[in-house]
Amino acid sequence: MTTLHDLSPAFRHVRLLLARSPEQPEGNRNEGYDLLVPLQSDGKLDAAEWKKHQQHCRVRYFKQGEQDRVGKLRRKPGGEWYFDYAEGTEDDEPGFRLGDEQFMLGEYVGIAHEGQMQTYQVARVERP
């Protein structure tokens, strides 16, 4: 179990909620992700801190009426970030240029959920 003493000061709890789209004109506050990740001062993912503490970088996907999925934040050798839930690549969820995104309140992030690129809005960024 991860404790606060295991984490560097760069770690943040980030909540992403499904943003508005033609299919969801109001978005969906009951679907999204909780991330436990290290961020730089500009809100971007901190690759150096991730490399040192990757075992603590967690992802939780939630949607009302479905069982939560818990996984880890991973990074491919070329620098692409993705969410990994189990062995193999079938369930991996790559982010759209996550290394360039700023995880700051109100910003938008693209994640390929179940093979479809979805847009999520950063709803919370706080110390764990």
N, C-alpha and C. Protein backbone atom coordinates (compact mmCIF):
# COMPACT_ATOMS: atom_id res chain seq x y z
N MET A 1 0.85 -1.18 0.00
CA MET A 1 0.00 0.00 0.00
C MET A 1 0.89 1.25 0.00
N THR A 2 0.56 2.21 -0.84
CA THR A 2 1.31 3.45 -0.94
C THR A 2 0.92 4.39 0.20
N THR A 3 1.93 4.95 0.85
CA THR A 3 1.68 5.95 1.89
C THR A 3 2.27 7.28 1.43
N LEU A 4 1.89 8.35 2.08
CA LEU A 4 2.40 9.67 1.72
C LEU A 4 3.92 9.73 1.82
N HIS A 5 4.51 8.95 2.73
CA HIS A 5 5.96 8.94 2.88
C HIS A 5 6.66 8.32 1.67
N ASP A 6 5.94 7.53 0.88
CA ASP A 6 6.51 6.90 -0.32
C ASP A 6 6.59 7.87 -1.49
N LEU A 7 5.85 8.95 -1.43
CA LEU A 7 5.70 9.86 -2.57
C LEU A 7 6.63 11.06 -2.48
N SER A 8 7.10 11.51 -3.63
CA SER A 8 7.90 12.73 -3.66
C SER A 8 6.94 13.92 -3.58
N PRO A 9 7.43 15.11 -3.25
CA PRO A 9 6.55 16.29 -3.16
C PRO A 9 5.89 16.66 -4.49
N ALA A 10 6.38 16.11 -5.60
CA ALA A 10 5.81 16.42 -6.91
C ALA A 10 4.49 15.71 -7.18
N PHE A 11 4.15 14.71 -6.37
CA PHE A 11 2.93 13.93 -6.63
C PHE A 11 1.67 14.74 -6.39
N ARG A 12 0.69 14.49 -7.28
CA ARG A 12 -0.62 15.13 -7.17
C ARG A 12 -1.72 14.10 -7.46
N HIS A 13 -2.86 14.35 -6.83
CA HIS A 13 -4.08 13.61 -7.18
C HIS A 13 -4.77 14.46 -8.24
N VAL A 14 -4.98 13.87 -9.40
CA VAL A 14 -5.63 14.57 -10.52
C VAL A 14 -6.92 13.84 -10.83
N ARG A 15 -8.02 14.58 -10.91
CA ARG A 15 -9.30 13.99 -11.31
C ARG A 15 -9.66 14.53 -12.69
N LEU A 16 -9.96 13.58 -13.59
CA LEU A 16 -10.41 13.91 -14.95
C LEU A 16 -11.85 13.46 -15.07
N LEU A 17 -12.71 14.33 -15.60
CA LEU A 17 -14.12 13.98 -15.83
C LEU A 17 -14.43 14.08 -17.31
N LEU A 18 -15.30 13.19 -17.78
CA LEU A 18 -15.68 13.17 -19.19
C LEU A 18 -16.23 14.55 -19.58
N ALA A 19 -15.63 15.14 -20.60
CA ALA A 19 -16.01 16.49 -21.04
C ALA A 19 -17.22 16.44 -21.97
N ARG A 20 -17.76 17.62 -22.25
CA ARG A 20 -18.89 17.72 -23.18
C ARG A 20 -18.49 17.23 -24.57
N SER A 21 -19.44 16.61 -25.25
CA SER A 21 -19.25 16.12 -26.61
C SER A 21 -20.62 16.04 -27.26
N PRO A 22 -20.69 15.81 -28.56
CA PRO A 22 -22.01 15.66 -29.19
C PRO A 22 -22.84 14.54 -28.55
N GLU A 23 -22.17 13.45 -28.12
CA GLU A 23 -22.88 12.33 -27.49
C GLU A 23 -23.24 12.63 -26.04
N GLN A 24 -22.49 13.50 -25.40
CA GLN A 24 -22.70 13.86 -23.99
C GLN A 24 -22.66 15.39 -23.88
N PRO A 25 -23.73 16.09 -24.27
CA PRO A 25 -23.70 17.55 -24.30
C PRO A 25 -23.40 18.21 -22.95
N GLU A 26 -23.66 17.52 -21.87
CA GLU A 26 -23.38 18.07 -20.54
C GLU A 26 -22.11 17.46 -19.92
N GLY A 27 -21.45 16.56 -20.67
CA GLY A 27 -20.34 15.82 -20.08
C GLY A 27 -20.90 14.78 -19.13
N ASN A 28 -20.03 14.23 -18.29
CA ASN A 28 -20.50 13.24 -17.32
C ASN A 28 -19.60 13.28 -16.09
N ARG A 29 -20.14 13.79 -15.01
CA ARG A 29 -19.38 13.89 -13.76
C ARG A 29 -19.23 12.53 -13.06
N ASN A 30 -19.92 11.52 -13.57
CA ASN A 30 -19.85 10.18 -12.98
C ASN A 30 -18.95 9.24 -13.77
N GLU A 31 -18.17 9.79 -14.71
CA GLU A 31 -17.24 8.98 -15.49
C GLU A 31 -15.93 9.74 -15.61
N GLY A 32 -14.85 9.06 -15.32
CA GLY A 32 -13.56 9.72 -15.44
C GLY A 32 -12.42 8.90 -14.85
N TYR A 33 -11.38 9.60 -14.49
CA TYR A 33 -10.16 8.99 -13.98
C TYR A 33 -9.68 9.72 -12.74
N ASP A 34 -9.11 8.98 -11.82
CA ASP A 34 -8.33 9.53 -10.72
C ASP A 34 -6.90 9.08 -10.96
N LEU A 35 -5.99 10.03 -10.97
CA LEU A 35 -4.58 9.75 -11.20
C LEU A 35 -3.76 10.14 -9.98
N LEU A 36 -2.77 9.36 -9.67
CA LEU A 36 -1.77 9.72 -8.68
C LEU A 36 -0.46 9.77 -9.44
N VAL A 37 0.00 10.99 -9.78
CA VAL A 37 1.12 11.18 -10.69
C VAL A 37 2.01 12.34 -10.25
N PRO A 38 3.29 12.29 -10.63
CA PRO A 38 4.17 13.42 -10.34
C PRO A 38 4.06 14.47 -11.45
N LEU A 39 3.94 15.72 -11.04
CA LEU A 39 3.83 16.82 -12.00
C LEU A 39 4.96 17.82 -11.80
N GLN A 40 5.37 18.43 -12.88
CA GLN A 40 6.32 19.53 -12.81
C GLN A 40 5.56 20.78 -12.39
N SER A 41 6.27 21.86 -12.13
CA SER A 41 5.62 23.10 -11.69
C SER A 41 4.69 23.67 -12.75
N ASP A 42 4.90 23.34 -14.04
CA ASP A 42 4.02 23.82 -15.10
C ASP A 42 2.82 22.90 -15.34
N GLY A 43 2.67 21.85 -14.51
CA GLY A 43 1.53 20.94 -14.61
C GLY A 43 1.73 19.77 -15.55
N LYS A 44 2.89 19.67 -16.18
CA LYS A 44 3.16 18.54 -17.08
C LYS A 44 3.67 17.35 -16.28
N LEU A 45 3.46 16.15 -16.84
CA LEU A 45 3.96 14.94 -16.20
C LEU A 45 5.48 15.04 -16.04
N ASP A 46 5.97 14.63 -14.90
CA ASP A 46 7.40 14.69 -14.59
C ASP A 46 8.00 13.31 -14.84
N ALA A 47 8.64 13.14 -16.01
CA ALA A 47 9.17 11.84 -16.41
C ALA A 47 10.28 11.36 -15.47
N ALA A 48 11.12 12.27 -14.97
CA ALA A 48 12.22 11.87 -14.08
C ALA A 48 11.67 11.34 -12.76
N GLU A 49 10.67 12.02 -12.18
CA GLU A 49 10.06 11.55 -10.93
C GLU A 49 9.29 10.26 -11.17
N TRP A 50 8.61 10.16 -12.31
CA TRP A 50 7.89 8.93 -12.64
C TRP A 50 8.87 7.76 -12.68
N LYS A 51 10.01 7.96 -13.32
CA LYS A 51 10.99 6.87 -13.44
C LYS A 51 11.45 6.39 -12.07
N LYS A 52 11.62 7.30 -11.12
CA LYS A 52 12.07 6.93 -9.78
C LYS A 52 10.96 6.29 -8.94
N HIS A 53 9.70 6.66 -9.22
CA HIS A 53 8.57 6.24 -8.37
C HIS A 53 7.43 5.62 -9.17
N GLN A 54 7.73 4.99 -10.28
CA GLN A 54 6.66 4.51 -11.17
C GLN A 54 5.73 3.49 -10.51
N GLN A 55 6.22 2.76 -9.52
CA GLN A 55 5.37 1.78 -8.85
C GLN A 55 4.23 2.46 -8.07
N HIS A 56 4.34 3.77 -7.81
CA HIS A 56 3.32 4.49 -7.06
C HIS A 56 2.37 5.29 -7.96
N CYS A 57 2.63 5.30 -9.26
CA CYS A 57 1.81 6.09 -10.20
C CYS A 57 0.57 5.28 -10.58
N ARG A 58 -0.54 5.61 -9.98
CA ARG A 58 -1.78 4.84 -10.11
C ARG A 58 -2.81 5.56 -10.97
N VAL A 59 -3.68 4.73 -11.55
CA VAL A 59 -4.80 5.20 -12.37
C VAL A 59 -6.03 4.44 -11.92
N ARG A 60 -7.13 5.15 -11.78
CA ARG A 60 -8.42 4.49 -11.49
C ARG A 60 -9.44 5.06 -12.45
N TYR A 61 -10.03 4.18 -13.26
CA TYR A 61 -11.14 4.59 -14.14
C TYR A 61 -12.44 4.28 -13.41
N PHE A 62 -13.36 5.24 -13.41
CA PHE A 62 -14.65 5.03 -12.77
C PHE A 62 -15.77 5.47 -13.70
N LYS A 63 -16.87 4.75 -13.61
CA LYS A 63 -18.10 5.10 -14.34
C LYS A 63 -19.26 4.53 -13.53
N GLN A 64 -20.25 5.38 -13.27
CA GLN A 64 -21.40 4.95 -12.48
C GLN A 64 -22.02 3.71 -13.10
N GLY A 65 -22.27 2.71 -12.25
CA GLY A 65 -22.90 1.48 -12.70
C GLY A 65 -21.91 0.42 -13.17
N GLU A 66 -20.63 0.75 -13.21
CA GLU A 66 -19.60 -0.20 -13.63
C GLU A 66 -18.57 -0.36 -12.51
N GLN A 67 -17.87 -1.47 -12.55
CA GLN A 67 -16.81 -1.71 -11.58
C GLN A 67 -15.60 -0.85 -11.95
N ASP A 68 -14.98 -0.24 -10.95
CA ASP A 68 -13.77 0.55 -11.18
C ASP A 68 -12.66 -0.33 -11.71
N ARG A 69 -11.80 0.27 -12.52
CA ARG A 69 -10.60 -0.41 -13.03
C ARG A 69 -9.40 0.33 -12.48
N VAL A 70 -8.47 -0.39 -11.90
CA VAL A 70 -7.27 0.21 -11.31
C VAL A 70 -6.04 -0.28 -12.06
N GLY A 71 -5.18 0.66 -12.41
CA GLY A 71 -3.97 0.31 -13.15
C GLY A 71 -2.84 1.26 -12.82
N LYS A 72 -1.88 1.33 -13.73
CA LYS A 72 -0.69 2.15 -13.53
C LYS A 72 -0.44 3.05 -14.73
N LEU A 73 0.22 4.16 -14.46
CA LEU A 73 0.68 5.03 -15.52
C LEU A 73 1.99 4.45 -16.03
N ARG A 74 2.09 4.24 -17.33
CA ARG A 74 3.29 3.67 -17.95
C ARG A 74 3.76 4.60 -19.07
N ARG A 75 5.01 4.36 -19.48
CA ARG A 75 5.59 5.16 -20.56
C ARG A 75 6.38 4.23 -21.48
N LYS A 76 6.10 4.34 -22.77
CA LYS A 76 6.81 3.53 -23.76
C LYS A 76 8.19 4.14 -24.02
N PRO A 77 9.13 3.36 -24.55
CA PRO A 77 10.47 3.88 -24.81
C PRO A 77 10.49 5.16 -25.65
N GLY A 78 9.57 5.35 -26.56
CA GLY A 78 9.50 6.56 -27.37
C GLY A 78 8.92 7.76 -26.65
N GLY A 79 8.44 7.55 -25.42
CA GLY A 79 7.90 8.65 -24.63
C GLY A 79 6.39 8.72 -24.56
N GLU A 80 5.66 7.80 -25.22
CA GLU A 80 4.20 7.83 -25.18
C GLU A 80 3.70 7.31 -23.83
N TRP A 81 2.84 8.09 -23.18
CA TRP A 81 2.25 7.71 -21.89
C TRP A 81 0.97 6.93 -22.14
N TYR A 82 0.69 5.97 -21.26
CA TYR A 82 -0.55 5.21 -21.38
C TYR A 82 -0.93 4.64 -20.01
N PHE A 83 -2.21 4.25 -19.91
CA PHE A 83 -2.72 3.62 -18.70
C PHE A 83 -2.73 2.12 -18.94
N ASP A 84 -2.21 1.36 -17.99
CA ASP A 84 -2.07 -0.08 -18.12
C ASP A 84 -2.80 -0.75 -16.96
N TYR A 85 -3.76 -1.61 -17.30
CA TYR A 85 -4.58 -2.25 -16.27
C TYR A 85 -4.22 -3.70 -16.00
N ALA A 86 -3.68 -4.41 -17.00
CA ALA A 86 -3.37 -5.83 -16.85
C ALA A 86 -2.28 -6.21 -17.84
N GLU A 87 -1.80 -7.45 -17.72
CA GLU A 87 -0.79 -7.96 -18.65
C GLU A 87 -1.30 -7.86 -20.08
N GLY A 88 -0.40 -7.65 -21.01
CA GLY A 88 -0.78 -7.53 -22.42
C GLY A 88 -1.14 -6.10 -22.77
N THR A 89 -1.48 -5.89 -24.03
CA THR A 89 -1.76 -4.53 -24.51
C THR A 89 -3.23 -4.29 -24.84
N GLU A 90 -4.07 -5.33 -24.75
CA GLU A 90 -5.47 -5.20 -25.16
C GLU A 90 -6.22 -4.13 -24.37
N ASP A 91 -5.89 -3.97 -23.11
CA ASP A 91 -6.63 -3.03 -22.26
C ASP A 91 -5.91 -1.69 -22.08
N ASP A 92 -4.77 -1.51 -22.73
CA ASP A 92 -4.02 -0.26 -22.57
C ASP A 92 -4.81 0.92 -23.13
N GLU A 93 -4.70 2.06 -22.46
CA GLU A 93 -5.38 3.28 -22.89
C GLU A 93 -4.34 4.38 -23.08
N PRO A 94 -3.93 4.61 -24.34
CA PRO A 94 -2.94 5.67 -24.57
C PRO A 94 -3.57 7.05 -24.46
N GLY A 95 -2.76 7.98 -24.01
CA GLY A 95 -3.20 9.37 -23.96
C GLY A 95 -2.75 10.08 -25.22
N PHE A 96 -3.47 11.10 -25.61
CA PHE A 96 -3.08 11.89 -26.77
C PHE A 96 -2.08 12.95 -26.32
N ARG A 97 -0.82 12.72 -26.64
CA ARG A 97 0.26 13.67 -26.30
C ARG A 97 0.24 14.06 -24.82
N LEU A 98 0.06 13.07 -23.95
CA LEU A 98 -0.02 13.35 -22.50
C LEU A 98 1.24 14.04 -21.97
N GLY A 99 2.38 13.77 -22.57
CA GLY A 99 3.60 14.41 -22.13
C GLY A 99 3.62 15.91 -22.36
N ASP A 100 2.78 16.38 -23.28
CA ASP A 100 2.71 17.81 -23.59
C ASP A 100 1.57 18.52 -22.86
N GLU A 101 0.66 17.74 -22.29
CA GLU A 101 -0.51 18.32 -21.64
C GLU A 101 -0.16 18.91 -20.28
N GLN A 102 -0.90 19.96 -19.92
CA GLN A 102 -0.77 20.54 -18.59
C GLN A 102 -1.96 20.11 -17.76
N PHE A 103 -1.69 19.42 -16.68
CA PHE A 103 -2.75 18.95 -15.79
C PHE A 103 -3.05 20.07 -14.80
N MET A 104 -3.81 21.04 -15.32
CA MET A 104 -4.21 22.20 -14.53
C MET A 104 -5.72 22.33 -14.62
N LEU A 105 -6.33 22.82 -13.57
CA LEU A 105 -7.77 22.93 -13.49
C LEU A 105 -8.37 23.56 -14.76
N GLY A 106 -9.35 22.87 -15.33
CA GLY A 106 -10.04 23.36 -16.52
C GLY A 106 -9.45 22.94 -17.84
N GLU A 107 -8.23 22.43 -17.85
CA GLU A 107 -7.59 21.99 -19.10
C GLU A 107 -8.24 20.69 -19.58
N TYR A 108 -8.02 20.35 -20.85
CA TYR A 108 -8.58 19.16 -21.46
C TYR A 108 -7.48 18.17 -21.83
N VAL A 109 -7.80 16.87 -21.71
CA VAL A 109 -6.86 15.79 -21.96
C VAL A 109 -7.57 14.73 -22.80
N GLY A 110 -6.88 14.20 -23.81
CA GLY A 110 -7.45 13.14 -24.64
C GLY A 110 -6.91 11.78 -24.24
N ILE A 111 -7.82 10.82 -24.07
CA ILE A 111 -7.45 9.45 -23.70
C ILE A 111 -8.26 8.49 -24.57
N ALA A 112 -7.59 7.49 -25.11
CA ALA A 112 -8.26 6.49 -25.94
C ALA A 112 -8.89 5.44 -25.02
N HIS A 113 -10.14 5.66 -24.66
CA HIS A 113 -10.87 4.73 -23.78
C HIS A 113 -11.65 3.75 -24.65
N GLU A 114 -11.38 2.45 -24.44
CA GLU A 114 -12.02 1.38 -25.21
C GLU A 114 -11.89 1.61 -26.71
N GLY A 115 -10.71 2.07 -27.12
CA GLY A 115 -10.42 2.25 -28.54
C GLY A 115 -10.92 3.55 -29.15
N GLN A 116 -11.64 4.36 -28.41
CA GLN A 116 -12.17 5.63 -28.92
C GLN A 116 -11.55 6.78 -28.17
N MET A 117 -11.04 7.77 -28.90
CA MET A 117 -10.47 8.93 -28.24
C MET A 117 -11.60 9.72 -27.59
N GLN A 118 -11.45 9.97 -26.29
CA GLN A 118 -12.43 10.73 -25.51
C GLN A 118 -11.71 11.92 -24.90
N THR A 119 -12.45 12.99 -24.68
CA THR A 119 -11.89 14.18 -24.06
C THR A 119 -12.36 14.26 -22.62
N TYR A 120 -11.40 14.51 -21.73
CA TYR A 120 -11.68 14.64 -20.30
C TYR A 120 -11.18 16.00 -19.84
N GLN A 121 -11.89 16.58 -18.88
CA GLN A 121 -11.50 17.86 -18.33
C GLN A 121 -10.89 17.67 -16.95
N VAL A 122 -9.81 18.40 -16.70
CA VAL A 122 -9.17 18.35 -15.38
C VAL A 122 -10.06 19.06 -14.39
N ALA A 123 -10.61 18.31 -13.44
CA ALA A 123 -11.56 18.86 -12.46
C ALA A 123 -10.93 19.08 -11.10
N ARG A 124 -9.76 18.46 -10.86
CA ARG A 124 -9.11 18.61 -9.54
C ARG A 124 -7.63 18.30 -9.70
N VAL A 125 -6.80 19.11 -9.03
CA VAL A 125 -5.37 18.85 -8.91
C VAL A 125 -5.00 19.25 -7.49
N GLU A 126 -4.60 18.27 -6.68
CA GLU A 126 -4.29 18.58 -5.29
C GLU A 126 -3.25 17.62 -4.75
N ARG A 127 -2.62 18.02 -3.66
CA ARG A 127 -1.67 17.12 -3.00
C ARG A 127 -2.44 15.94 -2.43
N PRO A 128 -1.86 14.75 -2.53
CA PRO A 128 -2.57 13.58 -1.97
C PRO A 128 -2.61 13.60 -0.46
